[in-house]
Amino acid sequence: MVKTGQRYVSPGGAEMVVTKGGDGDFSDGETPLQLKGSEASFEGVEVSSGAIDMALGKRFTSADGSVSVLVTKAGRCDLRYGGEPMELQQPKELPSSD
């Protein structure tokens, strides 16, 4: 279970904070993400072959929209929730100020 406000770290150095929690688990490909502070357990773990560059400030949501995270430190990660890939959330279109 992931809770809003929890911080996670990937083997590729990406860090994220949960902005909307849920009942599943996060992983980097097949490797479970660790809570911030316990990332020493990643020693010897390879970055997933499907990892992408995650830029600071980007938001990712689960396929069903039930869980979302905000990237707080750039890095590489094949971010998954419940085994399913998470999607980059597109910015909302704002009306023109003309």
PDB file of N, CA and C in Angstrom:
ATOM      1  N   MET A   1       0.840  -1.192   0.000  1.00  0.00           N
ATOM      2  CA  MET A   1       0.000   0.000   0.000  1.00  0.00           C
ATOM      3  C   MET A   1       0.878   1.246   0.000  1.00  0.00           C
ATOM      4  N   VAL A   2       0.546   2.188  -0.850  1.00  0.00           N
ATOM      5  CA  VAL A   2       1.282   3.450  -0.906  1.00  0.00           C
ATOM      6  C   VAL A   2       0.384   4.557  -0.365  1.00  0.00           C
ATOM      7  N   LYS A   3       0.983   5.417   0.454  1.00  0.00           N
ATOM      8  CA  LYS A   3       0.234   6.496   1.091  1.00  0.00           C
ATOM      9  C   LYS A   3       0.684   7.839   0.554  1.00  0.00           C
ATOM     10  N   THR A   4      -0.235   8.767   0.483  1.00  0.00           N
ATOM     11  CA  THR A   4       0.075  10.127   0.056  1.00  0.00           C
ATOM     12  C   THR A   4       1.167  10.698   0.953  1.00  0.00           C
ATOM     13  N   GLY A   5       2.178  11.308   0.324  1.00  0.00           N
ATOM     14  CA  GLY A   5       3.277  11.919   1.059  1.00  0.00           C
ATOM     15  C   GLY A   5       4.500  11.030   1.204  1.00  0.00           C
ATOM     16  N   GLN A   6       4.367   9.718   0.950  1.00  0.00           N
ATOM     17  CA  GLN A   6       5.527   8.836   1.038  1.00  0.00           C
ATOM     18  C   GLN A   6       6.480   9.145  -0.106  1.00  0.00           C
ATOM     19  N   ARG A   7       7.796   9.033   0.186  1.00  0.00           N
ATOM     20  CA  ARG A   7       8.828   9.286  -0.812  1.00  0.00           C
ATOM     21  C   ARG A   7       9.485   7.969  -1.186  1.00  0.00           C
ATOM     22  N   TYR A   8       9.635   7.741  -2.493  1.00  0.00           N
ATOM     23  CA  TYR A   8      10.233   6.514  -3.013  1.00  0.00           C
ATOM     24  C   TYR A   8      11.464   6.829  -3.848  1.00  0.00           C
ATOM     25  N   VAL A   9      12.383   5.846  -3.914  1.00  0.00           N
ATOM     26  CA  VAL A   9      13.627   5.971  -4.671  1.00  0.00           C
ATOM     27  C   VAL A   9      13.760   4.758  -5.585  1.00  0.00           C
ATOM     28  N   SER A  10      14.262   4.991  -6.812  1.00  0.00           N
ATOM     29  CA  SER A  10      14.498   3.894  -7.758  1.00  0.00           C
ATOM     30  C   SER A  10      15.990   3.585  -7.812  1.00  0.00           C
ATOM     31  N   PRO A  11      16.367   2.390  -8.310  1.00  0.00           N
ATOM     32  CA  PRO A  11      17.789   2.072  -8.449  1.00  0.00           C
ATOM     33  C   PRO A  11      18.527   3.041  -9.376  1.00  0.00           C
ATOM     34  N   GLY A  12      17.806   3.675 -10.307  1.00  0.00           N
ATOM     35  CA  GLY A  12      18.399   4.621 -11.243  1.00  0.00           C
ATOM     36  C   GLY A  12      18.539   6.025 -10.687  1.00  0.00           C
ATOM     37  N   GLY A  13      18.222   6.221  -9.402  1.00  0.00           N
ATOM     38  CA  GLY A  13      18.399   7.520  -8.760  1.00  0.00           C
ATOM     39  C   GLY A  13      17.191   8.433  -8.774  1.00  0.00           C
ATOM     40  N   ALA A  14      16.129   8.057  -9.464  1.00  0.00           N
ATOM     41  CA  ALA A  14      14.926   8.900  -9.482  1.00  0.00           C
ATOM     42  C   ALA A  14      14.253   8.856  -8.115  1.00  0.00           C
ATOM     43  N   GLU A  15      13.759   9.997  -7.681  1.00  0.00           N
ATOM     44  CA  GLU A  15      13.006  10.077  -6.431  1.00  0.00           C
ATOM     45  C   GLU A  15      11.650  10.678  -6.730  1.00  0.00           C
ATOM     46  N   MET A  16      10.630  10.206  -6.026  1.00  0.00           N
ATOM     47  CA  MET A  16       9.280  10.705  -6.246  1.00  0.00           C
ATOM     48  C   MET A  16       8.495  10.708  -4.945  1.00  0.00           C
ATOM     49  N   VAL A  17       7.487  11.571  -4.893  1.00  0.00           N
ATOM     50  CA  VAL A  17       6.590  11.636  -3.749  1.00  0.00           C
ATOM     51  C   VAL A  17       5.192  11.271  -4.242  1.00  0.00           C
ATOM     52  N   VAL A  18       4.480  10.499  -3.447  1.00  0.00           N
ATOM     53  CA  VAL A  18       3.127  10.068  -3.798  1.00  0.00           C
ATOM     54  C   VAL A  18       2.168  11.231  -3.567  1.00  0.00           C
ATOM     55  N   THR A  19       1.434  11.628  -4.609  1.00  0.00           N
ATOM     56  CA  THR A  19       0.459  12.706  -4.478  1.00  0.00           C
ATOM     57  C   THR A  19      -0.962  12.170  -4.366  1.00  0.00           C
ATOM     58  N   LYS A  20      -1.145  10.897  -4.719  1.00  0.00           N
ATOM     59  CA  LYS A  20      -2.447  10.228  -4.593  1.00  0.00           C
ATOM     60  C   LYS A  20      -2.157   8.751  -4.370  1.00  0.00           C
ATOM     61  N   GLY A  21      -2.489   8.227  -3.186  1.00  0.00           N
ATOM     62  CA  GLY A  21      -2.133   6.867  -2.800  1.00  0.00           C
ATOM     63  C   GLY A  21      -3.152   5.824  -3.203  1.00  0.00           C
ATOM     64  N   GLY A  22      -2.758   4.538  -2.984  1.00  0.00           N
ATOM     65  CA  GLY A  22      -3.624   3.421  -3.331  1.00  0.00           C
ATOM     66  C   GLY A  22      -3.151   2.126  -2.688  1.00  0.00           C
ATOM     67  N   ASP A  23      -3.725   1.002  -3.119  1.00  0.00           N
ATOM     68  CA  ASP A  23      -3.461  -0.291  -2.497  1.00  0.00           C
ATOM     69  C   ASP A  23      -2.358  -1.114  -3.140  1.00  0.00           C
ATOM     70  N   GLY A  24      -1.777  -0.706  -4.240  1.00  0.00           N
ATOM     71  CA  GLY A  24      -0.766  -1.498  -4.935  1.00  0.00           C
ATOM     72  C   GLY A  24       0.647  -1.186  -4.478  1.00  0.00           C
ATOM     73  N   ASP A  25       1.619  -1.602  -5.288  1.00  0.00           N
ATOM     74  CA  ASP A  25       3.032  -1.362  -4.998  1.00  0.00           C
ATOM     75  C   ASP A  25       3.729  -0.805  -6.229  1.00  0.00           C
ATOM     76  N   PHE A  26       4.770   0.021  -5.988  1.00  0.00           N
ATOM     77  CA  PHE A  26       5.580   0.582  -7.066  1.00  0.00           C
ATOM     78  C   PHE A  26       6.766  -0.317  -7.350  1.00  0.00           C
ATOM     79  N   SER A  27       7.193  -0.316  -8.612  1.00  0.00           N
ATOM     80  CA  SER A  27       8.415  -1.042  -8.972  1.00  0.00           C
ATOM     81  C   SER A  27       9.104  -0.325 -10.121  1.00  0.00           C
ATOM     82  N   ASP A  28      10.403  -0.640 -10.264  1.00  0.00           N
ATOM     83  CA  ASP A  28      11.198  -0.194 -11.398  1.00  0.00           C
ATOM     84  C   ASP A  28      11.417  -1.449 -12.223  1.00  0.00           C
ATOM     85  N   GLY A  29      10.545  -1.685 -13.183  1.00  0.00           N
ATOM     86  CA  GLY A  29      10.543  -2.956 -13.901  1.00  0.00           C
ATOM     87  C   GLY A  29      10.126  -4.044 -12.928  1.00  0.00           C
ATOM     88  N   GLU A  30      11.044  -4.958 -12.608  1.00  0.00           N
ATOM     89  CA  GLU A  30      10.763  -6.046 -11.661  1.00  0.00           C
ATOM     90  C   GLU A  30      11.261  -5.744 -10.249  1.00  0.00           C
ATOM     91  N   THR A  31      12.026  -4.649 -10.070  1.00  0.00           N
ATOM     92  CA  THR A  31      12.615  -4.315  -8.775  1.00  0.00           C
ATOM     93  C   THR A  31      11.687  -3.396  -7.984  1.00  0.00           C
ATOM     94  N   PRO A  32      11.252  -3.799  -6.786  1.00  0.00           N
ATOM     95  CA  PRO A  32      10.401  -2.920  -5.983  1.00  0.00           C
ATOM     96  C   PRO A  32      11.136  -1.631  -5.619  1.00  0.00           C
ATOM     97  N   LEU A  33      10.425  -0.499  -5.683  1.00  0.00           N
ATOM     98  CA  LEU A  33      11.007   0.767  -5.240  1.00  0.00           C
ATOM     99  C   LEU A  33      11.121   0.736  -3.722  1.00  0.00           C
ATOM    100  N   GLN A  34      12.065   1.501  -3.185  1.00  0.00           N
ATOM    101  CA  GLN A  34      12.292   1.562  -1.742  1.00  0.00           C
ATOM    102  C   GLN A  34      11.867   2.924  -1.214  1.00  0.00           C
ATOM    103  N   LEU A  35      11.446   2.951   0.045  1.00  0.00           N
ATOM    104  CA  LEU A  35      11.160   4.216   0.688  1.00  0.00           C
ATOM    105  C   LEU A  35      12.459   4.996   0.833  1.00  0.00           C
ATOM    106  N   LYS A  36      12.380   6.312   0.724  1.00  0.00           N
ATOM    107  CA  LYS A  36      13.569   7.158   0.858  1.00  0.00           C
ATOM    108  C   LYS A  36      14.228   6.871   2.191  1.00  0.00           C
ATOM    109  N   GLY A  37      15.542   6.693   2.152  1.00  0.00           N
ATOM    110  CA  GLY A  37      16.306   6.378   3.352  1.00  0.00           C
ATOM    111  C   GLY A  37      16.723   4.925   3.414  1.00  0.00           C
ATOM    112  N   SER A  38      16.040   4.058   2.650  1.00  0.00           N
ATOM    113  CA  SER A  38      16.408   2.638   2.657  1.00  0.00           C
ATOM    114  C   SER A  38      16.962   2.197   1.307  1.00  0.00           C
ATOM    115  N   GLU A  39      17.433   3.152   0.500  1.00  0.00           N
ATOM    116  CA  GLU A  39      17.909   2.833  -0.840  1.00  0.00           C
ATOM    117  C   GLU A  39      19.251   2.100  -0.858  1.00  0.00           C
ATOM    118  N   ALA A  40      19.916   1.934   0.280  1.00  0.00           N
ATOM    119  CA  ALA A  40      21.171   1.185   0.330  1.00  0.00           C
ATOM    120  C   ALA A  40      20.956  -0.257  -0.123  1.00  0.00           C
ATOM    121  N   SER A  41      19.730  -0.748  -0.036  1.00  0.00           N
ATOM    122  CA  SER A  41      19.439  -2.126  -0.451  1.00  0.00           C
ATOM    123  C   SER A  41      19.509  -2.287  -1.973  1.00  0.00           C
ATOM    124  N   PHE A  42      19.727  -1.208  -2.725  1.00  0.00           N
ATOM    125  CA  PHE A  42      19.841  -1.272  -4.179  1.00  0.00           C
ATOM    126  C   PHE A  42      21.246  -1.636  -4.645  1.00  0.00           C
ATOM    127  N   GLU A  43      22.202  -1.820  -3.728  1.00  0.00           N
ATOM    128  CA  GLU A  43      23.571  -2.118  -4.131  1.00  0.00           C
ATOM    129  C   GLU A  43      23.598  -3.361  -5.004  1.00  0.00           C
ATOM    130  N   GLY A  44      24.193  -3.242  -6.176  1.00  0.00           N
ATOM    131  CA  GLY A  44      24.305  -4.356  -7.102  1.00  0.00           C
ATOM    132  C   GLY A  44      23.087  -4.567  -7.985  1.00  0.00           C
ATOM    133  N   VAL A  45      22.022  -3.783  -7.803  1.00  0.00           N
ATOM    134  CA  VAL A  45      20.806  -3.921  -8.611  1.00  0.00           C
ATOM    135  C   VAL A  45      20.974  -3.109  -9.889  1.00  0.00           C
ATOM    136  N   GLU A  46      20.706  -3.726 -11.014  1.00  0.00           N
ATOM    137  CA  GLU A  46      20.809  -3.061 -12.316  1.00  0.00           C
ATOM    138  C   GLU A  46      19.560  -2.214 -12.573  1.00  0.00           C
ATOM    139  N   VAL A  47      19.728  -1.112 -13.300  1.00  0.00           N
ATOM    140  CA  VAL A  47      18.589  -0.301 -13.726  1.00  0.00           C
ATOM    141  C   VAL A  47      17.830  -1.094 -14.784  1.00  0.00           C
ATOM    142  N   SER A  48      16.516  -1.071 -14.725  1.00  0.00           N
ATOM    143  CA  SER A  48      15.673  -1.819 -15.661  1.00  0.00           C
ATOM    144  C   SER A  48      15.980  -1.433 -17.105  1.00  0.00           C
ATOM    145  N   SER A  49      15.931  -2.416 -18.009  1.00  0.00           N
ATOM    146  CA  SER A  49      16.223  -2.154 -19.420  1.00  0.00           C
ATOM    147  C   SER A  49      15.178  -1.236 -20.062  1.00  0.00           C
ATOM    148  N   GLY A  50      13.977  -1.166 -19.498  1.00  0.00           N
ATOM    149  CA  GLY A  50      12.929  -0.296 -20.031  1.00  0.00           C
ATOM    150  C   GLY A  50      12.896   1.076 -19.399  1.00  0.00           C
ATOM    151  N   ALA A  51      13.923   1.397 -18.601  1.00  0.00           N
ATOM    152  CA  ALA A  51      13.940   2.668 -17.872  1.00  0.00           C
ATOM    153  C   ALA A  51      13.993   3.863 -18.821  1.00  0.00           C
ATOM    154  N   ILE A  52      13.296   4.912 -18.433  1.00  0.00           N
ATOM    155  CA  ILE A  52      13.312   6.176 -19.174  1.00  0.00           C
ATOM    156  C   ILE A  52      13.861   7.264 -18.260  1.00  0.00           C
ATOM    157  N   ASP A  53      14.283   8.377 -18.847  1.00  0.00           N
ATOM    158  CA  ASP A  53      14.715   9.520 -18.046  1.00  0.00           C
ATOM    159  C   ASP A  53      13.479  10.199 -17.480  1.00  0.00           C
ATOM    160  N   MET A  54      13.445  10.320 -16.171  1.00  0.00           N
ATOM    161  CA  MET A  54      12.328  10.994 -15.507  1.00  0.00           C
ATOM    162  C   MET A  54      12.817  12.366 -15.066  1.00  0.00           C
ATOM    163  N   ALA A  55      12.213  13.415 -15.602  1.00  0.00           N
ATOM    164  CA  ALA A  55      12.641  14.775 -15.321  1.00  0.00           C
ATOM    165  C   ALA A  55      11.983  15.316 -14.054  1.00  0.00           C
ATOM    166  N   LEU A  56      12.700  16.185 -13.378  1.00  0.00           N
ATOM    167  CA  LEU A  56      12.206  16.842 -12.177  1.00  0.00           C
ATOM    168  C   LEU A  56      10.889  17.559 -12.463  1.00  0.00           C
ATOM    169  N   GLY A  57       9.913  17.394 -11.596  1.00  0.00           N
ATOM    170  CA  GLY A  57       8.633  18.106 -11.713  1.00  0.00           C
ATOM    171  C   GLY A  57       7.579  17.420 -12.556  1.00  0.00           C
ATOM    172  N   LYS A  58       7.921  16.305 -13.207  1.00  0.00           N
ATOM    173  CA  LYS A  58       6.931  15.589 -14.022  1.00  0.00           C
ATOM    174  C   LYS A  58       6.047  14.738 -13.131  1.00  0.00           C
ATOM    175  N   ARG A  59       4.815  14.567 -13.543  1.00  0.00           N
ATOM    176  CA  ARG A  59       3.848  13.753 -12.803  1.00  0.00           C
ATOM    177  C   ARG A  59       3.511  12.507 -13.609  1.00  0.00           C
ATOM    178  N   PHE A  60       3.383  11.395 -12.906  1.00  0.00           N
ATOM    179  CA  PHE A  60       3.009  10.131 -13.522  1.00  0.00           C
ATOM    180  C   PHE A  60       1.777   9.585 -12.813  1.00  0.00           C
ATOM    181  N   THR A  61       0.862   8.996 -13.589  1.00  0.00           N
ATOM    182  CA  THR A  61      -0.357   8.419 -13.021  1.00  0.00           C
ATOM    183  C   THR A  61      -0.485   6.969 -13.459  1.00  0.00           C
ATOM    184  N   SER A  62      -1.189   6.188 -12.640  1.00  0.00           N
ATOM    185  CA  SER A  62      -1.449   4.794 -13.003  1.00  0.00           C
ATOM    186  C   SER A  62      -2.450   4.774 -14.154  1.00  0.00           C
ATOM    187  N   ALA A  63      -2.523   3.651 -14.845  1.00  0.00           N
ATOM    188  CA  ALA A  63      -3.400   3.527 -16.013  1.00  0.00           C
ATOM    189  C   ALA A  63      -4.853   3.832 -15.668  1.00  0.00           C
ATOM    190  N   ASP A  64      -5.293   3.452 -14.461  1.00  0.00           N
ATOM    191  CA  ASP A  64      -6.682   3.710 -14.071  1.00  0.00           C
ATOM    192  C   ASP A  64      -6.861   5.061 -13.381  1.00  0.00           C
ATOM    193  N   GLY A  65      -5.775   5.815 -13.202  1.00  0.00           N
ATOM    194  CA  GLY A  65      -5.846   7.142 -12.598  1.00  0.00           C
ATOM    195  C   GLY A  65      -5.989   7.141 -11.088  1.00  0.00           C
ATOM    196  N   SER A  66      -5.863   5.977 -10.453  1.00  0.00           N
ATOM    197  CA  SER A  66      -6.079   5.901  -9.005  1.00  0.00           C
ATOM    198  C   SER A  66      -4.873   6.353  -8.185  1.00  0.00           C
ATOM    199  N   VAL A  67      -3.674   6.350  -8.773  1.00  0.00           N
ATOM    200  CA  VAL A  67      -2.445   6.695  -8.051  1.00  0.00           C
ATOM    201  C   VAL A  67      -1.619   7.649  -8.898  1.00  0.00           C
ATOM    202  N   SER A  68      -0.980   8.625  -8.250  1.00  0.00           N
ATOM    203  CA  SER A  68      -0.096   9.531  -8.983  1.00  0.00           C
ATOM    204  C   SER A  68       1.111   9.894  -8.127  1.00  0.00           C
ATOM    205  N   VAL A  69       2.219  10.226  -8.812  1.00  0.00           N
ATOM    206  CA  VAL A  69       3.452  10.622  -8.142  1.00  0.00           C
ATOM    207  C   VAL A  69       4.021  11.861  -8.829  1.00  0.00           C
ATOM    208  N   LEU A  70       4.839  12.602  -8.086  1.00  0.00           N
ATOM    209  CA  LEU A  70       5.551  13.769  -8.590  1.00  0.00           C
ATOM    210  C   LEU A  70       7.035  13.484  -8.458  1.00  0.00           C
ATOM    211  N   VAL A  71       7.795  13.641  -9.547  1.00  0.00           N
ATOM    212  CA  VAL A  71       9.232  13.394  -9.524  1.00  0.00           C
ATOM    213  C   VAL A  71       9.915  14.553  -8.802  1.00  0.00           C
ATOM    214  N   THR A  72      10.672  14.232  -7.724  1.00  0.00           N
ATOM    215  CA  THR A  72      11.361  15.254  -6.936  1.00  0.00           C
ATOM    216  C   THR A  72      12.867  15.262  -7.182  1.00  0.00           C
ATOM    217  N   LYS A  73      13.377  14.221  -7.865  1.00  0.00           N
ATOM    218  CA  LYS A  73      14.788  14.179  -8.262  1.00  0.00           C
ATOM    219  C   LYS A  73      14.874  13.376  -9.550  1.00  0.00           C
ATOM    220  N   ALA A  74      15.488  13.972 -10.556  1.00  0.00           N
ATOM    221  CA  ALA A  74      15.592  13.320 -11.862  1.00  0.00           C
ATOM    222  C   ALA A  74      16.435  12.052 -11.763  1.00  0.00           C
ATOM    223  N   GLY A  75      16.120  11.098 -12.621  1.00  0.00           N
ATOM    224  CA  GLY A  75      16.857   9.840 -12.679  1.00  0.00           C
ATOM    225  C   GLY A  75      16.229   8.938 -13.724  1.00  0.00           C
ATOM    226  N   ARG A  76      16.640   7.670 -13.737  1.00  0.00           N
ATOM    227  CA  ARG A  76      16.097   6.706 -14.693  1.00  0.00           C
ATOM    228  C   ARG A  76      15.229   5.707 -13.953  1.00  0.00           C
ATOM    229  N   CYS A  77      14.085   5.360 -14.562  1.00  0.00           N
ATOM    230  CA  CYS A  77      13.172   4.427 -13.918  1.00  0.00           C
ATOM    231  C   CYS A  77      12.162   3.905 -14.934  1.00  0.00           C
ATOM    232  N   ASP A  78      11.808   2.621 -14.794  1.00  0.00           N
ATOM    233  CA  ASP A  78      10.710   2.008 -15.551  1.00  0.00           C
ATOM    234  C   ASP A  78       9.567   1.899 -14.543  1.00  0.00           C
ATOM    235  N   LEU A  79       8.934   3.024 -14.258  1.00  0.00           N
ATOM    236  CA  LEU A  79       7.958   3.133 -13.173  1.00  0.00           C
ATOM    237  C   LEU A  79       6.695   2.334 -13.465  1.00  0.00           C
ATOM    238  N   ARG A  80       6.369   1.460 -12.518  1.00  0.00           N
ATOM    239  CA  ARG A  80       5.170   0.617 -12.626  1.00  0.00           C
ATOM    240  C   ARG A  80       4.414   0.636 -11.312  1.00  0.00           C
ATOM    241  N   TYR A  81       3.100   0.501 -11.435  1.00  0.00           N
ATOM    242  CA  TYR A  81       2.241   0.403 -10.252  1.00  0.00           C
ATOM    243  C   TYR A  81       1.396  -0.852 -10.432  1.00  0.00           C
ATOM    244  N   GLY A  82       1.514  -1.785  -9.510  1.00  0.00           N
ATOM    245  CA  GLY A  82       0.793  -3.050  -9.629  1.00  0.00           C
ATOM    246  C   GLY A  82       1.208  -3.826 -10.864  1.00  0.00           C
ATOM    247  N   GLY A  83       2.464  -3.638 -11.320  1.00  0.00           N
ATOM    248  CA  GLY A  83       2.975  -4.342 -12.489  1.00  0.00           C
ATOM    249  C   GLY A  83       2.666  -3.666 -13.816  1.00  0.00           C
ATOM    250  N   GLU A  84       1.808  -2.652 -13.811  1.00  0.00           N
ATOM    251  CA  GLU A  84       1.432  -1.937 -15.038  1.00  0.00           C
ATOM    252  C   GLU A  84       2.222  -0.633 -15.161  1.00  0.00           C
ATOM    253  N   PRO A  85       2.693  -0.290 -16.369  1.00  0.00           N
ATOM    254  CA  PRO A  85       3.450   0.961 -16.546  1.00  0.00           C
ATOM    255  C   PRO A  85       2.609   2.188 -16.180  1.00  0.00           C
ATOM    256  N   MET A  86       3.268   3.155 -15.534  1.00  0.00           N
ATOM    257  CA  MET A  86       2.593   4.418 -15.227  1.00  0.00           C
ATOM    258  C   MET A  86       2.813   5.372 -16.402  1.00  0.00           C
ATOM    259  N   GLU A  87       1.869   6.268 -16.597  1.00  0.00           N
ATOM    260  CA  GLU A  87       1.885   7.168 -17.745  1.00  0.00           C
ATOM    261  C   GLU A  87       2.233   8.590 -17.325  1.00  0.00           C
ATOM    262  N   LEU A  88       2.998   9.268 -18.192  1.00  0.00           N
ATOM    263  CA  LEU A  88       3.322  10.674 -17.967  1.00  0.00           C
ATOM    264  C   LEU A  88       2.031  11.475 -18.070  1.00  0.00           C
ATOM    265  N   GLN A  89       1.754  12.271 -17.051  1.00  0.00           N
ATOM    266  CA  GLN A  89       0.540  13.087 -17.041  1.00  0.00           C
ATOM    267  C   GLN A  89       0.805  14.355 -17.840  1.00  0.00           C
ATOM    268  N   GLN A  90      -0.062  14.627 -18.786  1.00  0.00           N
ATOM    269  CA  GLN A  90       0.079  15.819 -19.619  1.00  0.00           C
ATOM    270  C   GLN A  90      -0.448  17.052 -18.888  1.00  0.00           C
ATOM    271  N   PRO A  91       0.187  18.208 -19.077  1.00  0.00           N
ATOM    272  CA  PRO A  91      -0.296  19.422 -18.423  1.00  0.00           C
ATOM    273  C   PRO A  91      -1.693  19.787 -18.933  1.00  0.00           C
ATOM    274  N   LYS A  92      -2.466  20.398 -18.067  1.00  0.00           N
ATOM    275  CA  LYS A  92      -3.817  20.812 -18.447  1.00  0.00           C
ATOM    276  C   LYS A  92      -3.734  22.025 -19.382  1.00  0.00           C
ATOM    277  N   GLU A  93      -4.587  22.013 -20.376  1.00  0.00           N
ATOM    278  CA  GLU A  93      -4.678  23.147 -21.301  1.00  0.00           C
ATOM    279  C   GLU A  93      -5.415  24.284 -20.590  1.00  0.00           C
ATOM    280  N   LEU A  94      -4.815  25.442 -20.589  1.00  0.00           N
ATOM    281  CA  LEU A  94      -5.447  26.618 -19.988  1.00  0.00           C
ATOM    282  C   LEU A  94      -6.015  27.481 -21.099  1.00  0.00           C
ATOM    283  N   PRO A  95      -7.113  28.166 -20.812  1.00  0.00           N
ATOM    284  CA  PRO A  95      -7.695  29.030 -21.847  1.00  0.00           C
ATOM    285  C   PRO A  95      -6.756  30.192 -22.158  1.00  0.00           C
ATOM    286  N   SER A  96      -6.821  30.633 -23.387  1.00  0.00           N
ATOM    287  CA  SER A  96      -6.012  31.747 -23.820  1.00  0.00           C
ATOM    288  C   SER A  96      -6.432  33.005 -23.083  1.00  0.00           C
ATOM    289  N   SER A  97      -5.482  33.893 -22.848  1.00  0.00           N
ATOM    290  CA  SER A  97      -5.802  35.146 -22.146  1.00  0.00           C
ATOM    291  C   SER A  97      -5.962  36.305 -23.112  1.00  0.00           C
ATOM    292  N   ASP A  98      -6.277  35.999 -24.368  1.00  0.00           N
ATOM    293  CA  ASP A  98      -6.437  37.045 -25.378  1.00  0.00           C
ATOM    294  C   ASP A  98      -7.587  37.939 -25.074  1.00  0.00           C
TER     295      ASP A  98
END
